[in-house]
Amino acid sequence: MFKCMKCKKMIKQLDEVFVRCPYCGNRVLFKERPPIAKEVKTD
């Protein structure tokens, strides 16, 4: 899942040739990550 930086809409699949938002045409997309925090142990 990707999210458009301009219109903030979720995009499930991207075209292989064109990496653009199908709603607004913006080419700046980022991959949506799950909101799970990782726990790291320290000594």
PDB file of N, CA and C in Angstrom:
ATOM      1  N   MET A   1       0.837  -1.173   0.000  1.00  0.00           N
ATOM      2  CA  MET A   1       0.000   0.000   0.000  1.00  0.00           C
ATOM      3  C   MET A   1       0.889   1.246   0.000  1.00  0.00           C
ATOM      4  N   PHE A   2       0.510   2.189  -0.821  1.00  0.00           N
ATOM      5  CA  PHE A   2       1.232   3.446  -0.919  1.00  0.00           C
ATOM      6  C   PHE A   2       0.273   4.587  -0.617  1.00  0.00           C
ATOM      7  N   LYS A   3       0.832   5.718  -0.207  1.00  0.00           N
ATOM      8  CA  LYS A   3       0.025   6.891   0.090  1.00  0.00           C
ATOM      9  C   LYS A   3       0.604   8.073  -0.676  1.00  0.00           C
ATOM     10  N   CYS A   4      -0.271   8.837  -1.300  1.00  0.00           N
ATOM     11  CA  CYS A   4       0.146  10.008  -2.066  1.00  0.00           C
ATOM     12  C   CYS A   4       0.459  11.151  -1.106  1.00  0.00           C
ATOM     13  N   MET A   5       1.550  11.863  -1.359  1.00  0.00           N
ATOM     14  CA  MET A   5       1.931  12.981  -0.502  1.00  0.00           C
ATOM     15  C   MET A   5       1.027  14.194  -0.715  1.00  0.00           C
ATOM     16  N   LYS A   6       0.483  14.342  -1.903  1.00  0.00           N
ATOM     17  CA  LYS A   6      -0.298  15.532  -2.216  1.00  0.00           C
ATOM     18  C   LYS A   6      -1.762  15.399  -1.776  1.00  0.00           C
ATOM     19  N   CYS A   7      -2.438  14.334  -2.224  1.00  0.00           N
ATOM     20  CA  CYS A   7      -3.872  14.200  -1.935  1.00  0.00           C
ATOM     21  C   CYS A   7      -4.154  13.271  -0.762  1.00  0.00           C
ATOM     22  N   LYS A   8      -3.117  12.581  -0.233  1.00  0.00           N
ATOM     23  CA  LYS A   8      -3.208  11.713   0.952  1.00  0.00           C
ATOM     24  C   LYS A   8      -4.114  10.495   0.752  1.00  0.00           C
ATOM     25  N   LYS A   9      -4.358  10.089  -0.488  1.00  0.00           N
ATOM     26  CA  LYS A   9      -5.197   8.917  -0.745  1.00  0.00           C
ATOM     27  C   LYS A   9      -4.341   7.659  -0.802  1.00  0.00           C
ATOM     28  N   MET A  10      -4.942   6.541  -0.403  1.00  0.00           N
ATOM     29  CA  MET A  10      -4.248   5.262  -0.403  1.00  0.00           C
ATOM     30  C   MET A  10      -4.318   4.645  -1.796  1.00  0.00           C
ATOM     31  N   ILE A  11      -3.215   4.046  -2.238  1.00  0.00           N
ATOM     32  CA  ILE A  11      -3.115   3.408  -3.541  1.00  0.00           C
ATOM     33  C   ILE A  11      -2.688   1.975  -3.296  1.00  0.00           C
ATOM     34  N   LYS A  12      -3.503   1.021  -3.749  1.00  0.00           N
ATOM     35  CA  LYS A  12      -3.210  -0.387  -3.484  1.00  0.00           C
ATOM     36  C   LYS A  12      -2.176  -0.954  -4.449  1.00  0.00           C
ATOM     37  N   GLN A  13      -2.285  -0.637  -5.735  1.00  0.00           N
ATOM     38  CA  GLN A  13      -1.337  -1.160  -6.717  1.00  0.00           C
ATOM     39  C   GLN A  13      -0.861  -0.038  -7.617  1.00  0.00           C
ATOM     40  N   LEU A  14       0.391  -0.129  -8.030  1.00  0.00           N
ATOM     41  CA  LEU A  14       0.965   0.830  -8.948  1.00  0.00           C
ATOM     42  C   LEU A  14       1.163   0.179 -10.306  1.00  0.00           C
ATOM     43  N   ASP A  15       1.094   0.982 -11.343  1.00  0.00           N
ATOM     44  CA  ASP A  15       1.364   0.503 -12.690  1.00  0.00           C
ATOM     45  C   ASP A  15       2.874   0.262 -12.816  1.00  0.00           C
ATOM     46  N   GLU A  16       3.268  -0.722 -13.582  1.00  0.00           N
ATOM     47  CA  GLU A  16       4.693  -1.064 -13.720  1.00  0.00           C
ATOM     48  C   GLU A  16       5.466   0.042 -14.445  1.00  0.00           C
ATOM     49  N   VAL A  17       4.828   0.723 -15.387  1.00  0.00           N
ATOM     50  CA  VAL A  17       5.525   1.718 -16.202  1.00  0.00           C
ATOM     51  C   VAL A  17       5.496   3.099 -15.545  1.00  0.00           C
ATOM     52  N   PHE A  18       4.323   3.529 -15.082  1.00  0.00           N
ATOM     53  CA  PHE A  18       4.166   4.870 -14.524  1.00  0.00           C
ATOM     54  C   PHE A  18       3.959   4.792 -13.019  1.00  0.00           C
ATOM     55  N   VAL A  19       4.810   5.480 -12.274  1.00  0.00           N
ATOM     56  CA  VAL A  19       4.657   5.543 -10.824  1.00  0.00           C
ATOM     57  C   VAL A  19       4.033   6.902 -10.516  1.00  0.00           C
ATOM     58  N   ARG A  20       2.705   6.948 -10.550  1.00  0.00           N
ATOM     59  CA  ARG A  20       1.962   8.177 -10.298  1.00  0.00           C
ATOM     60  C   ARG A  20       0.694   7.865  -9.535  1.00  0.00           C
ATOM     61  N   CYS A  21       0.191   8.861  -8.835  1.00  0.00           N
ATOM     62  CA  CYS A  21      -1.092   8.736  -8.164  1.00  0.00           C
ATOM     63  C   CYS A  21      -2.193   8.764  -9.220  1.00  0.00           C
ATOM     64  N   PRO A  22      -3.091   7.778  -9.229  1.00  0.00           N
ATOM     65  CA  PRO A  22      -4.159   7.778 -10.233  1.00  0.00           C
ATOM     66  C   PRO A  22      -5.216   8.855  -9.992  1.00  0.00           C
ATOM     67  N   TYR A  23      -5.203   9.493  -8.834  1.00  0.00           N
ATOM     68  CA  TYR A  23      -6.205  10.508  -8.504  1.00  0.00           C
ATOM     69  C   TYR A  23      -5.753  11.917  -8.878  1.00  0.00           C
ATOM     70  N   CYS A  24      -4.499  12.268  -8.523  1.00  0.00           N
ATOM     71  CA  CYS A  24      -4.047  13.635  -8.771  1.00  0.00           C
ATOM     72  C   CYS A  24      -2.847  13.720  -9.720  1.00  0.00           C
ATOM     73  N   GLY A  25      -2.189  12.597 -10.025  1.00  0.00           N
ATOM     74  CA  GLY A  25      -1.058  12.603 -10.942  1.00  0.00           C
ATOM     75  C   GLY A  25       0.278  12.902 -10.294  1.00  0.00           C
ATOM     76  N   ASN A  26       0.309  13.052  -8.995  1.00  0.00           N
ATOM     77  CA  ASN A  26       1.550  13.331  -8.288  1.00  0.00           C
ATOM     78  C   ASN A  26       2.464  12.112  -8.331  1.00  0.00           C
ATOM     79  N   ARG A  27       3.784  12.346  -8.410  1.00  0.00           N
ATOM     80  CA  ARG A  27       4.730  11.236  -8.478  1.00  0.00           C
ATOM     81  C   ARG A  27       5.447  10.981  -7.158  1.00  0.00           C
ATOM     82  N   VAL A  28       5.092  11.698  -6.104  1.00  0.00           N
ATOM     83  CA  VAL A  28       5.720  11.504  -4.801  1.00  0.00           C
ATOM     84  C   VAL A  28       4.802  10.626  -3.961  1.00  0.00           C
ATOM     85  N   LEU A  29       5.203   9.364  -3.785  1.00  0.00           N
ATOM     86  CA  LEU A  29       4.433   8.400  -3.013  1.00  0.00           C
ATOM     87  C   LEU A  29       5.330   7.832  -1.926  1.00  0.00           C
ATOM     88  N   PHE A  30       4.728   7.435  -0.817  1.00  0.00           N
ATOM     89  CA  PHE A  30       5.517   6.751   0.193  1.00  0.00           C
ATOM     90  C   PHE A  30       4.784   5.511   0.658  1.00  0.00           C
ATOM     91  N   LYS A  31       5.566   4.541   1.085  1.00  0.00           N
ATOM     92  CA  LYS A  31       5.015   3.263   1.490  1.00  0.00           C
ATOM     93  C   LYS A  31       4.461   3.365   2.902  1.00  0.00           C
ATOM     94  N   GLU A  32       3.218   2.975   3.057  1.00  0.00           N
ATOM     95  CA  GLU A  32       2.557   3.018   4.353  1.00  0.00           C
ATOM     96  C   GLU A  32       3.059   1.853   5.198  1.00  0.00           C
ATOM     97  N   ARG A  33       3.463   2.157   6.409  1.00  0.00           N
ATOM     98  CA  ARG A  33       3.976   1.127   7.314  1.00  0.00           C
ATOM     99  C   ARG A  33       2.982   0.898   8.444  1.00  0.00           C
ATOM    100  N   PRO A  34       2.966  -0.302   8.995  1.00  0.00           N
ATOM    101  CA  PRO A  34       2.046  -0.569  10.109  1.00  0.00           C
ATOM    102  C   PRO A  34       2.467   0.214  11.355  1.00  0.00           C
ATOM    103  N   PRO A  35       1.508   0.597  12.184  1.00  0.00           N
ATOM    104  CA  PRO A  35       1.834   1.398  13.369  1.00  0.00           C
ATOM    105  C   PRO A  35       2.322   0.571  14.564  1.00  0.00           C
ATOM    106  N   ILE A  36       3.108  -0.442  14.312  1.00  0.00           N
ATOM    107  CA  ILE A  36       3.601  -1.328  15.368  1.00  0.00           C
ATOM    108  C   ILE A  36       4.984  -0.833  15.798  1.00  0.00           C
ATOM    109  N   ALA A  37       5.143  -0.565  17.062  1.00  0.00           N
ATOM    110  CA  ALA A  37       6.427  -0.118  17.585  1.00  0.00           C
ATOM    111  C   ALA A  37       7.305  -1.335  17.869  1.00  0.00           C
ATOM    112  N   LYS A  38       8.561  -1.224  17.517  1.00  0.00           N
ATOM    113  CA  LYS A  38       9.495  -2.315  17.788  1.00  0.00           C
ATOM    114  C   LYS A  38      10.142  -2.094  19.137  1.00  0.00           C
ATOM    115  N   GLU A  39      10.356  -3.177  19.868  1.00  0.00           N
ATOM    116  CA  GLU A  39      10.992  -3.106  21.166  1.00  0.00           C
ATOM    117  C   GLU A  39      12.412  -3.621  21.038  1.00  0.00           C
ATOM    118  N   VAL A  40      13.374  -2.812  21.479  1.00  0.00           N
ATOM    119  CA  VAL A  40      14.770  -3.154  21.379  1.00  0.00           C
ATOM    120  C   VAL A  40      15.362  -3.209  22.784  1.00  0.00           C
ATOM    121  N   LYS A  41      16.029  -4.319  23.099  1.00  0.00           N
ATOM    122  CA  LYS A  41      16.666  -4.446  24.407  1.00  0.00           C
ATOM    123  C   LYS A  41      18.051  -3.833  24.365  1.00  0.00           C
ATOM    124  N   THR A  42      18.392  -3.164  25.461  1.00  0.00           N
ATOM    125  CA  THR A  42      19.735  -2.616  25.610  1.00  0.00           C
ATOM    126  C   THR A  42      20.375  -3.178  26.863  1.00  0.00           C
ATOM    127  N   ASP A  43      21.652  -3.233  26.861  1.00  0.00           N
ATOM    128  CA  ASP A  43      22.367  -3.757  28.032  1.00  0.00           C
ATOM    129  C   ASP A  43      22.596  -2.707  29.068  1.00  0.00           C
TER     130      ASP A  43
END
